[in-house]
Amino acid sequence: MTKKKRTKDICVYQMKVTLEGISPPIWRKIQVTSDTTLDRFHRILQIIMGWNDYHLHEFIIGGIHFGVPDEDGLMDVKNEENMGLSFSIEKTKFTYIYDFGDDWNHKILVEKILPLDPNTKYPRCIKGKRASPPEDCGGIGGYYEFIEAIQDPDNPEHDEMLEWVDEDFDPEAFDLDIINRELEKI
């Protein structure tokens, strides 16, 4: 198969990724090529959500679980390396779960299927809202406690939480350029 023909067969999925259970919502709109495998898609999701890939994850697609099988068989998942996004049609929805302790559930919706633009670099993030919770903050409840602590200088955990994130965390921040620079590296 020639490269020209291969490129002709590839399309672009525009997807909305929404972190469930957080209000106001945290979401990203991304474009990825149809030849993307789930293991690569996992890396893309880690970047766009600001996660650091410290924890286990899985995809649930049509009731089937995909992830990284372990040697002991504790994770009853099909290998994500063998599954591409080619199952997607417009309005397909599936789930990505990251960090089984904090249970960050992401709903993914295929909004559109677009032709490949040879002048565009994929994957790319085209829009989003709000910063993702920091790693290991304790799930949805822990995130809300974290936000309360960093926004109230009188909170007994204020200084400790700010030191823990090692920066001025702004829950409203979203930087499209930083995300896309990171996506260019993969």
C-alpha atoms as a PDB file:
ATOM      1  CA  MET A   1       0.000   0.000   0.000  1.00  0.00           C
ATOM      2  CA  THR A   2       1.428   3.355  -0.929  1.00  0.00           C
ATOM      3  CA  LYS A   3       1.663   6.199   1.547  1.00  0.00           C
ATOM      4  CA  LYS A   4      -0.613   8.299  -0.666  1.00  0.00           C
ATOM      5  CA  LYS A   5      -3.351   5.679  -0.575  1.00  0.00           C
ATOM      6  CA  ARG A   6      -2.919   5.177   3.177  1.00  0.00           C
ATOM      7  CA  THR A   7      -3.303   8.907   3.820  1.00  0.00           C
ATOM      8  CA  LYS A   8      -6.375   8.930   1.622  1.00  0.00           C
ATOM      9  CA  ASP A   9      -7.994   6.269   3.827  1.00  0.00           C
ATOM     10  CA  ILE A  10      -7.387   8.168   7.071  1.00  0.00           C
ATOM     11  CA  CYS A  11      -9.951  10.576   8.448  1.00  0.00           C
ATOM     12  CA  VAL A  12     -10.049  12.790  11.541  1.00  0.00           C
ATOM     13  CA  TYR A  13     -12.241  12.274  14.579  1.00  0.00           C
ATOM     14  CA  GLN A  14     -13.232  15.414  16.402  1.00  0.00           C
ATOM     15  CA  MET A  15     -14.010  14.410  19.981  1.00  0.00           C
ATOM     16  CA  LYS A  16     -15.199  16.090  23.142  1.00  0.00           C
ATOM     17  CA  VAL A  17     -13.646  14.716  26.325  1.00  0.00           C
ATOM     18  CA  THR A  18     -15.510  15.645  29.506  1.00  0.00           C
ATOM     19  CA  LEU A  19     -14.391  14.850  33.041  1.00  0.00           C
ATOM     20  CA  GLU A  20     -17.511  13.596  34.802  1.00  0.00           C
ATOM     21  CA  GLY A  21     -18.756  14.801  38.171  1.00  0.00           C
ATOM     22  CA  ILE A  22     -17.101  18.224  38.210  1.00  0.00           C
ATOM     23  CA  SER A  23     -19.094  21.455  38.042  1.00  0.00           C
ATOM     24  CA  PRO A  24     -18.507  23.719  36.257  1.00  0.00           C
ATOM     25  CA  PRO A  25     -17.362  21.124  33.721  1.00  0.00           C
ATOM     26  CA  ILE A  26     -13.781  20.417  32.707  1.00  0.00           C
ATOM     27  CA  TRP A  27     -13.585  19.433  29.049  1.00  0.00           C
ATOM     28  CA  ARG A  28     -11.417  19.354  25.940  1.00  0.00           C
ATOM     29  CA  LYS A  29     -12.191  19.213  22.246  1.00  0.00           C
ATOM     30  CA  ILE A  30      -9.565  17.314  20.259  1.00  0.00           C
ATOM     31  CA  GLN A  31      -8.895  16.036  16.774  1.00  0.00           C
ATOM     32  CA  VAL A  32      -7.122  12.728  16.226  1.00  0.00           C
ATOM     33  CA  THR A  33      -6.573  10.590  13.161  1.00  0.00           C
ATOM     34  CA  SER A  34      -8.550   7.403  12.623  1.00  0.00           C
ATOM     35  CA  ASP A  35      -5.384   5.278  12.659  1.00  0.00           C
ATOM     36  CA  THR A  36      -4.733   6.162  16.317  1.00  0.00           C
ATOM     37  CA  THR A  37      -4.572   3.130  18.614  1.00  0.00           C
ATOM     38  CA  LEU A  38      -6.008   3.200  22.126  1.00  0.00           C
ATOM     39  CA  ASP A  39      -2.552   3.097  23.729  1.00  0.00           C
ATOM     40  CA  ARG A  40      -1.588   6.225  21.806  1.00  0.00           C
ATOM     41  CA  PHE A  41      -4.987   7.767  22.552  1.00  0.00           C
ATOM     42  CA  HIS A  42      -4.278   7.176  26.259  1.00  0.00           C
ATOM     43  CA  ARG A  43      -1.085   9.240  25.918  1.00  0.00           C
ATOM     44  CA  ILE A  44      -3.049  11.974  24.132  1.00  0.00           C
ATOM     45  CA  LEU A  45      -5.655  12.041  26.912  1.00  0.00           C
ATOM     46  CA  GLN A  46      -2.924  12.254  29.555  1.00  0.00           C
ATOM     47  CA  ILE A  47      -1.536  15.356  27.862  1.00  0.00           C
ATOM     48  CA  ILE A  48      -4.801  17.171  27.217  1.00  0.00           C
ATOM     49  CA  MET A  49      -6.037  16.551  30.767  1.00  0.00           C
ATOM     50  CA  GLY A  50      -2.728  17.376  32.421  1.00  0.00           C
ATOM     51  CA  TRP A  51      -2.323  13.955  34.008  1.00  0.00           C
ATOM     52  CA  ASN A  52       1.120  12.370  34.538  1.00  0.00           C
ATOM     53  CA  ASP A  53       0.373   8.701  33.750  1.00  0.00           C
ATOM     54  CA  TYR A  54       1.071   7.553  37.322  1.00  0.00           C
ATOM     55  CA  HIS A  55      -1.958   5.261  37.514  1.00  0.00           C
ATOM     56  CA  LEU A  56      -3.818   2.464  35.774  1.00  0.00           C
ATOM     57  CA  HIS A  57      -6.449   3.256  33.198  1.00  0.00           C
ATOM     58  CA  GLU A  58      -8.984   1.596  30.965  1.00  0.00           C
ATOM     59  CA  PHE A  59     -11.354   2.315  28.124  1.00  0.00           C
ATOM     60  CA  ILE A  60     -14.892   0.952  28.066  1.00  0.00           C
ATOM     61  CA  ILE A  61     -16.216   0.711  24.533  1.00  0.00           C
ATOM     62  CA  GLY A  62     -19.509  -1.022  23.881  1.00  0.00           C
ATOM     63  CA  GLY A  63     -19.228  -2.837  27.210  1.00  0.00           C
ATOM     64  CA  ILE A  64     -15.743  -4.190  26.406  1.00  0.00           C
ATOM     65  CA  HIS A  65     -12.814  -3.139  28.613  1.00  0.00           C
ATOM     66  CA  PHE A  66      -9.490  -2.225  27.001  1.00  0.00           C
ATOM     67  CA  GLY A  67      -6.250  -1.404  28.757  1.00  0.00           C
ATOM     68  CA  VAL A  68      -2.822  -2.798  29.523  1.00  0.00           C
ATOM     69  CA  PRO A  69      -3.132  -6.484  30.487  1.00  0.00           C
ATOM     70  CA  ASP A  70      -1.030  -7.449  33.474  1.00  0.00           C
ATOM     71  CA  GLU A  71       0.950 -10.656  33.873  1.00  0.00           C
ATOM     72  CA  ASP A  72      -1.174 -11.815  36.817  1.00  0.00           C
ATOM     73  CA  GLY A  73      -4.431 -11.384  34.952  1.00  0.00           C
ATOM     74  CA  LEU A  74      -5.852  -9.053  37.596  1.00  0.00           C
ATOM     75  CA  MET A  75      -6.915  -6.573  34.939  1.00  0.00           C
ATOM     76  CA  ASP A  76      -9.473  -8.360  32.785  1.00  0.00           C
ATOM     77  CA  VAL A  77      -8.994  -6.161  29.744  1.00  0.00           C
ATOM     78  CA  LYS A  78      -8.320  -6.607  26.066  1.00  0.00           C
ATOM     79  CA  ASN A  79      -4.998  -5.192  24.947  1.00  0.00           C
ATOM     80  CA  GLU A  80      -5.401  -1.547  23.964  1.00  0.00           C
ATOM     81  CA  GLU A  81      -2.394  -1.777  21.633  1.00  0.00           C
ATOM     82  CA  ASN A  82      -4.474  -3.943  19.305  1.00  0.00           C
ATOM     83  CA  MET A  83      -7.480  -1.633  19.172  1.00  0.00           C
ATOM     84  CA  GLY A  84      -7.704   1.448  17.045  1.00  0.00           C
ATOM     85  CA  LEU A  85     -10.278   4.207  16.974  1.00  0.00           C
ATOM     86  CA  SER A  86     -11.617   2.975  13.647  1.00  0.00           C
ATOM     87  CA  PHE A  87     -14.773   1.699  15.426  1.00  0.00           C
ATOM     88  CA  SER A  88     -15.887   5.308  15.775  1.00  0.00           C
ATOM     89  CA  ILE A  89     -18.832   6.782  13.987  1.00  0.00           C
ATOM     90  CA  GLU A  90     -20.375  10.167  14.641  1.00  0.00           C
ATOM     91  CA  LYS A  91     -22.072  10.368  18.027  1.00  0.00           C
ATOM     92  CA  THR A  92     -20.201   7.295  19.337  1.00  0.00           C
ATOM     93  CA  LYS A  93     -19.703   7.593  23.096  1.00  0.00           C
ATOM     94  CA  PHE A  94     -17.232   5.697  25.237  1.00  0.00           C
ATOM     95  CA  THR A  95     -15.506   5.964  28.602  1.00  0.00           C
ATOM     96  CA  TYR A  96     -11.914   6.462  29.706  1.00  0.00           C
ATOM     97  CA  ILE A  97     -11.180   5.841  33.385  1.00  0.00           C
ATOM     98  CA  TYR A  98      -7.922   7.031  34.886  1.00  0.00           C
ATOM     99  CA  ASP A  99      -6.652   6.297  38.409  1.00  0.00           C
ATOM    100  CA  PHE A 100      -8.870   3.606  39.866  1.00  0.00           C
ATOM    101  CA  GLY A 101      -8.433   5.109  43.344  1.00  0.00           C
ATOM    102  CA  ASP A 102      -9.601   8.586  42.404  1.00  0.00           C
ATOM    103  CA  ASP A 103     -11.810   7.235  39.584  1.00  0.00           C
ATOM    104  CA  TRP A 104     -11.526  10.029  37.061  1.00  0.00           C
ATOM    105  CA  ASN A 105     -14.213   9.071  34.540  1.00  0.00           C
ATOM    106  CA  HIS A 106     -14.035  10.782  31.176  1.00  0.00           C
ATOM    107  CA  LYS A 107     -16.922  10.622  28.723  1.00  0.00           C
ATOM    108  CA  ILE A 108     -15.733  10.791  25.134  1.00  0.00           C
ATOM    109  CA  LEU A 109     -18.085  11.771  22.339  1.00  0.00           C
ATOM    110  CA  VAL A 110     -17.151  11.563  18.659  1.00  0.00           C
ATOM    111  CA  GLU A 111     -18.693  14.833  17.489  1.00  0.00           C
ATOM    112  CA  LYS A 112     -17.650  14.812  13.848  1.00  0.00           C
ATOM    113  CA  ILE A 113     -15.702  12.830  11.300  1.00  0.00           C
ATOM    114  CA  LEU A 114     -13.665  15.127   9.109  1.00  0.00           C
ATOM    115  CA  PRO A 115     -11.385  14.695   6.122  1.00  0.00           C
ATOM    116  CA  LEU A 116      -7.678  14.657   6.835  1.00  0.00           C
ATOM    117  CA  ASP A 117      -6.056  18.036   6.239  1.00  0.00           C
ATOM    118  CA  PRO A 118      -2.476  17.360   5.075  1.00  0.00           C
ATOM    119  CA  ASN A 119      -1.448  20.821   6.326  1.00  0.00           C
ATOM    120  CA  THR A 120      -2.590  20.180   9.897  1.00  0.00           C
ATOM    121  CA  LYS A 121      -0.614  18.389  12.610  1.00  0.00           C
ATOM    122  CA  TYR A 122      -2.576  15.771  14.523  1.00  0.00           C
ATOM    123  CA  PRO A 123      -3.379  15.127  17.280  1.00  0.00           C
ATOM    124  CA  ARG A 124      -4.403  18.581  18.327  1.00  0.00           C
ATOM    125  CA  CYS A 125      -6.580  20.210  20.927  1.00  0.00           C
ATOM    126  CA  ILE A 126      -8.876  22.873  19.503  1.00  0.00           C
ATOM    127  CA  LYS A 127     -10.721  24.054  22.601  1.00  0.00           C
ATOM    128  CA  GLY A 128     -11.215  23.395  26.292  1.00  0.00           C
ATOM    129  CA  LYS A 129     -12.305  24.751  29.628  1.00  0.00           C
ATOM    130  CA  ARG A 130     -10.733  24.735  33.056  1.00  0.00           C
ATOM    131  CA  ALA A 131      -7.704  23.009  34.544  1.00  0.00           C
ATOM    132  CA  SER A 132      -7.846  19.328  35.401  1.00  0.00           C
ATOM    133  CA  PRO A 133      -7.532  18.301  39.050  1.00  0.00           C
ATOM    134  CA  PRO A 134      -3.966  17.592  40.156  1.00  0.00           C
ATOM    135  CA  GLU A 135      -2.817  13.982  40.411  1.00  0.00           C
ATOM    136  CA  ASP A 136      -3.675  12.176  43.635  1.00  0.00           C
ATOM    137  CA  CYS A 137      -5.986  14.851  45.038  1.00  0.00           C
ATOM    138  CA  GLY A 138      -8.495  12.227  46.162  1.00  0.00           C
ATOM    139  CA  GLY A 139     -11.142  12.083  43.480  1.00  0.00           C
ATOM    140  CA  ILE A 140     -14.064  14.465  43.116  1.00  0.00           C
ATOM    141  CA  GLY A 141     -14.532  15.034  46.868  1.00  0.00           C
ATOM    142  CA  GLY A 142     -10.817  15.556  47.417  1.00  0.00           C
ATOM    143  CA  TYR A 143     -10.678  17.960  44.481  1.00  0.00           C
ATOM    144  CA  TYR A 144     -13.421  20.140  45.949  1.00  0.00           C
ATOM    145  CA  GLU A 145     -11.648  20.131  49.335  1.00  0.00           C
ATOM    146  CA  PHE A 146      -8.385  21.028  47.578  1.00  0.00           C
ATOM    147  CA  ILE A 147     -10.021  23.964  45.750  1.00  0.00           C
ATOM    148  CA  GLU A 148     -11.582  25.193  48.991  1.00  0.00           C
ATOM    149  CA  ALA A 149      -8.213  25.016  50.761  1.00  0.00           C
ATOM    150  CA  ILE A 150      -6.190  26.872  48.123  1.00  0.00           C
ATOM    151  CA  GLN A 151      -8.793  29.622  47.766  1.00  0.00           C
ATOM    152  CA  ASP A 152      -9.020  30.336  51.505  1.00  0.00           C
ATOM    153  CA  PRO A 153      -5.796  31.634  53.088  1.00  0.00           C
ATOM    154  CA  ASP A 154      -7.336  30.968  56.526  1.00  0.00           C
ATOM    155  CA  ASN A 155      -7.877  27.282  55.756  1.00  0.00           C
ATOM    156  CA  PRO A 156      -5.458  25.213  57.893  1.00  0.00           C
ATOM    157  CA  GLU A 157      -4.417  23.235  54.791  1.00  0.00           C
ATOM    158  CA  HIS A 158      -3.966  26.276  52.514  1.00  0.00           C
ATOM    159  CA  ASP A 159      -0.159  26.508  52.597  1.00  0.00           C
ATOM    160  CA  GLU A 160       0.330  22.741  52.521  1.00  0.00           C
ATOM    161  CA  MET A 161      -1.916  22.357  49.463  1.00  0.00           C
ATOM    162  CA  LEU A 162      -0.203  25.183  47.585  1.00  0.00           C
ATOM    163  CA  GLU A 163       3.180  23.664  48.361  1.00  0.00           C
ATOM    164  CA  TRP A 164       1.910  20.225  47.298  1.00  0.00           C
ATOM    165  CA  VAL A 165       0.943  21.399  43.789  1.00  0.00           C
ATOM    166  CA  ASP A 166       4.225  23.337  43.620  1.00  0.00           C
ATOM    167  CA  GLU A 167       2.641  26.214  41.752  1.00  0.00           C
ATOM    168  CA  ASP A 168      -0.232  28.655  41.778  1.00  0.00           C
ATOM    169  CA  PHE A 169      -3.046  26.365  40.751  1.00  0.00           C
ATOM    170  CA  ASP A 170      -5.890  28.162  39.000  1.00  0.00           C
ATOM    171  CA  PRO A 171      -8.920  25.911  38.475  1.00  0.00           C
ATOM    172  CA  GLU A 172     -10.137  28.212  35.694  1.00  0.00           C
ATOM    173  CA  ALA A 173      -6.862  28.112  33.733  1.00  0.00           C
ATOM    174  CA  PHE A 174      -6.643  26.442  30.355  1.00  0.00           C
ATOM    175  CA  ASP A 175      -3.708  26.944  27.989  1.00  0.00           C
ATOM    176  CA  LEU A 176      -4.342  25.595  24.503  1.00  0.00           C
ATOM    177  CA  ASP A 177      -0.833  26.460  23.281  1.00  0.00           C
ATOM    178  CA  ILE A 178       0.919  24.488  26.032  1.00  0.00           C
ATOM    179  CA  ILE A 179      -1.258  21.442  25.375  1.00  0.00           C
ATOM    180  CA  ASN A 180      -0.617  21.544  21.638  1.00  0.00           C
ATOM    181  CA  ARG A 181       3.143  21.948  22.135  1.00  0.00           C
ATOM    182  CA  GLU A 182       3.091  18.796  24.277  1.00  0.00           C
ATOM    183  CA  LEU A 183       0.957  16.948  21.717  1.00  0.00           C
ATOM    184  CA  GLU A 184       3.505  17.739  19.004  1.00  0.00           C
ATOM    185  CA  LYS A 185       6.075  15.697  20.942  1.00  0.00           C
ATOM    186  CA  ILE A 186       4.217  12.403  20.585  1.00  0.00           C
END
